[in-house]
C-alpha atoms as a PDB file:
ATOM      1  CA  MET A   1      35.012  90.586  91.903  1.00  0.00           C
ATOM      2  CA  ALA A   2      37.103  87.729  93.225  1.00  0.00           C
ATOM      3  CA  LYS A   3      34.623  85.045  92.190  1.00  0.00           C
ATOM      4  CA  LEU A   4      34.941  85.578  88.449  1.00  0.00           C
ATOM      5  CA  VAL A   5      38.651  86.426  88.514  1.00  0.00           C
ATOM      6  CA  ASP A   6      39.450  83.373  90.638  1.00  0.00           C
ATOM      7  CA  ALA A   7      37.343  81.082  88.437  1.00  0.00           C
ATOM      8  CA  LEU A   8      39.036  82.339  85.245  1.00  0.00           C
ATOM      9  CA  GLY A   9      42.458  81.804  86.775  1.00  0.00           C
ATOM     10  CA  ALA A  10      41.615  78.326  88.056  1.00  0.00           C
ATOM     11  CA  LEU A  11      40.340  77.338  84.603  1.00  0.00           C
ATOM     12  CA  GLY A  12      43.279  78.943  82.786  1.00  0.00           C
ATOM     13  CA  LEU A  13      40.936  81.045  80.656  1.00  0.00           C
ATOM     14  CA  GLU A  14      40.899  84.648  79.520  1.00  0.00           C
ATOM     15  CA  GLY A  15      37.887  86.893  79.191  1.00  0.00           C
ATOM     16  CA  THR A  16      36.824  90.504  79.340  1.00  0.00           C
ATOM     17  CA  LEU A  17      35.880  91.503  82.858  1.00  0.00           C
ATOM     18  CA  SER A  18      33.746  94.568  83.530  1.00  0.00           C
ATOM     19  CA  GLN A  19      35.249  97.373  85.567  1.00  0.00           C
ATOM     20  CA  SER A  20      33.071  96.387  88.537  1.00  0.00           C
ATOM     21  CA  GLY A  21      34.225  92.774  88.211  1.00  0.00           C
ATOM     22  CA  ARG A  22      30.653  91.453  88.267  1.00  0.00           C
ATOM     23  CA  TRP A  23      30.324  90.785  84.503  1.00  0.00           C
ATOM     24  CA  LEU A  24      32.453  88.573  82.310  1.00  0.00           C
ATOM     25  CA  VAL A  25      32.422  88.027  78.553  1.00  0.00           C
ATOM     26  CA  LEU A  26      34.181  84.999  77.051  1.00  0.00           C
ATOM     27  CA  ASP A  27      34.619  84.009  73.430  1.00  0.00           C
ATOM     28  CA  GLY A  28      32.989  80.621  73.000  1.00  0.00           C
ATOM     29  CA  GLU A  29      33.361  78.364  69.992  1.00  0.00           C
ATOM     30  CA  HIS A  30      30.245  79.626  68.173  1.00  0.00           C
ATOM     31  CA  SER A  31      29.101  82.606  70.257  1.00  0.00           C
ATOM     32  CA  ARG A  32      30.061  84.840  73.120  1.00  0.00           C
ATOM     33  CA  VAL A  33      29.332  83.757  76.685  1.00  0.00           C
ATOM     34  CA  PHE A  34      28.123  86.180  79.334  1.00  0.00           C
ATOM     35  CA  VAL A  35      28.481  85.481  83.057  1.00  0.00           C
ATOM     36  CA  VAL A  36      27.231  87.799  85.788  1.00  0.00           C
ATOM     37  CA  GLU A  37      27.390  87.453  89.543  1.00  0.00           C
ATOM     38  CA  ALA A  38      23.968  87.112  91.143  1.00  0.00           C
ATOM     39  CA  PRO A  39      22.976  89.815  93.609  1.00  0.00           C
ATOM     40  CA  HIS A  40      23.908  89.386  97.265  1.00  0.00           C
ATOM     41  CA  GLY A  41      26.756  86.951  96.513  1.00  0.00           C
ATOM     42  CA  GLY A  42      24.518  84.045  95.599  1.00  0.00           C
ATOM     43  CA  GLY A  43      25.992  82.250  92.590  1.00  0.00           C
ATOM     44  CA  CYS A  44      26.157  83.367  88.946  1.00  0.00           C
ATOM     45  CA  TYR A  45      24.016  83.511  85.830  1.00  0.00           C
ATOM     46  CA  SER A  46      25.218  82.621  82.324  1.00  0.00           C
ATOM     47  CA  TRP A  47      23.860  82.847  78.794  1.00  0.00           C
ATOM     48  CA  CYS A  48      25.125  82.945  75.206  1.00  0.00           C
ATOM     49  CA  GLU A  49      24.844  85.336  72.313  1.00  0.00           C
ATOM     50  CA  ASP A  50      23.351  82.602  70.093  1.00  0.00           C
ATOM     51  CA  PRO A  51      19.550  83.089  69.870  1.00  0.00           C
ATOM     52  CA  ALA A  52      18.953  79.380  70.531  1.00  0.00           C
ATOM     53  CA  GLU A  53      21.109  79.460  73.691  1.00  0.00           C
ATOM     54  CA  ARG A  54      20.060  82.800  75.229  1.00  0.00           C
ATOM     55  CA  THR A  55      18.101  81.292  78.087  1.00  0.00           C
ATOM     56  CA  VAL A  56      19.599  82.578  81.314  1.00  0.00           C
ATOM     57  CA  GLU A  57      20.751  79.767  83.602  1.00  0.00           C
ATOM     58  CA  TYR A  58      21.560  80.018  87.313  1.00  0.00           C
ATOM     59  CA  HIS A  59      24.659  78.255  88.674  1.00  0.00           C
ATOM     60  CA  PRO A  60      25.808  77.936  92.287  1.00  0.00           C
ATOM     61  CA  ASP A  61      29.329  79.183  91.543  1.00  0.00           C
ATOM     62  CA  ALA A  62      31.361  81.069  88.937  1.00  0.00           C
ATOM     63  CA  THR A  63      33.329  78.054  87.697  1.00  0.00           C
ATOM     64  CA  THR A  64      30.177  76.072  86.975  1.00  0.00           C
ATOM     65  CA  ALA A  65      28.606  79.080  85.242  1.00  0.00           C
ATOM     66  CA  ILE A  66      31.629  79.623  82.999  1.00  0.00           C
ATOM     67  CA  LEU A  67      31.914  75.952  82.011  1.00  0.00           C
ATOM     68  CA  ALA A  68      28.170  75.646  81.331  1.00  0.00           C
ATOM     69  CA  GLY A  69      28.223  78.789  79.199  1.00  0.00           C
ATOM     70  CA  LEU A  70      31.181  77.545  77.172  1.00  0.00           C
ATOM     71  CA  ARG A  71      29.464  74.172  76.612  1.00  0.00           C
ATOM     72  CA  ARG A  72      26.375  75.972  75.332  1.00  0.00           C
ATOM     73  CA  ALA A  73      28.494  78.212  73.081  1.00  0.00           C
ATOM     74  CA  ALA A  74      30.101  75.113  71.555  1.00  0.00           C
ATOM     75  CA  ARG A  75      26.758  73.759  70.322  1.00  0.00           C
ATOM     76  CA  VAL A  76      25.890  74.325  66.694  1.00  0.00           C
ATOM     77  CA  THR A  77      22.271  75.423  66.451  1.00  0.00           C
ATOM     78  CA  HIS A  78      20.088  76.455  63.576  1.00  0.00           C
ATOM     79  CA  GLY A  79      19.913  79.982  65.022  1.00  0.00           C
ATOM     80  CA  ALA A  80      23.657  80.420  65.289  1.00  0.00           C
ATOM     81  CA  THR A  81      25.334  83.181  63.377  1.00  0.00           C
ATOM     82  CA  PRO A  82      28.938  82.278  62.599  1.00  0.00           C
ATOM     83  CA  ARG A  83      31.466  84.386  64.481  1.00  0.00           C
ATOM     84  CA  THR A  84      33.525  86.617  62.219  1.00  0.00           C
ATOM     85  CA  ASP A  85      35.894  88.240  64.714  1.00  0.00           C
END
């Protein structure tokens, strides 16, 4: 749990953390960002809600995963559905 919580705090960001602390959802510019801790404490995976940016990417740490996910969520793609919330 500490990985995602610590990374959010270090970046000064807010997100919705799962009860287990292994999942994180952030509101990106054009889509939501999902970050999950990899099994056995080995890094994190991130992906976006946008169909063009849904490819799951592995990152060695939570901070890198969060920043990469937010960069992807900031891209405007042809598959993006504008956020309404």
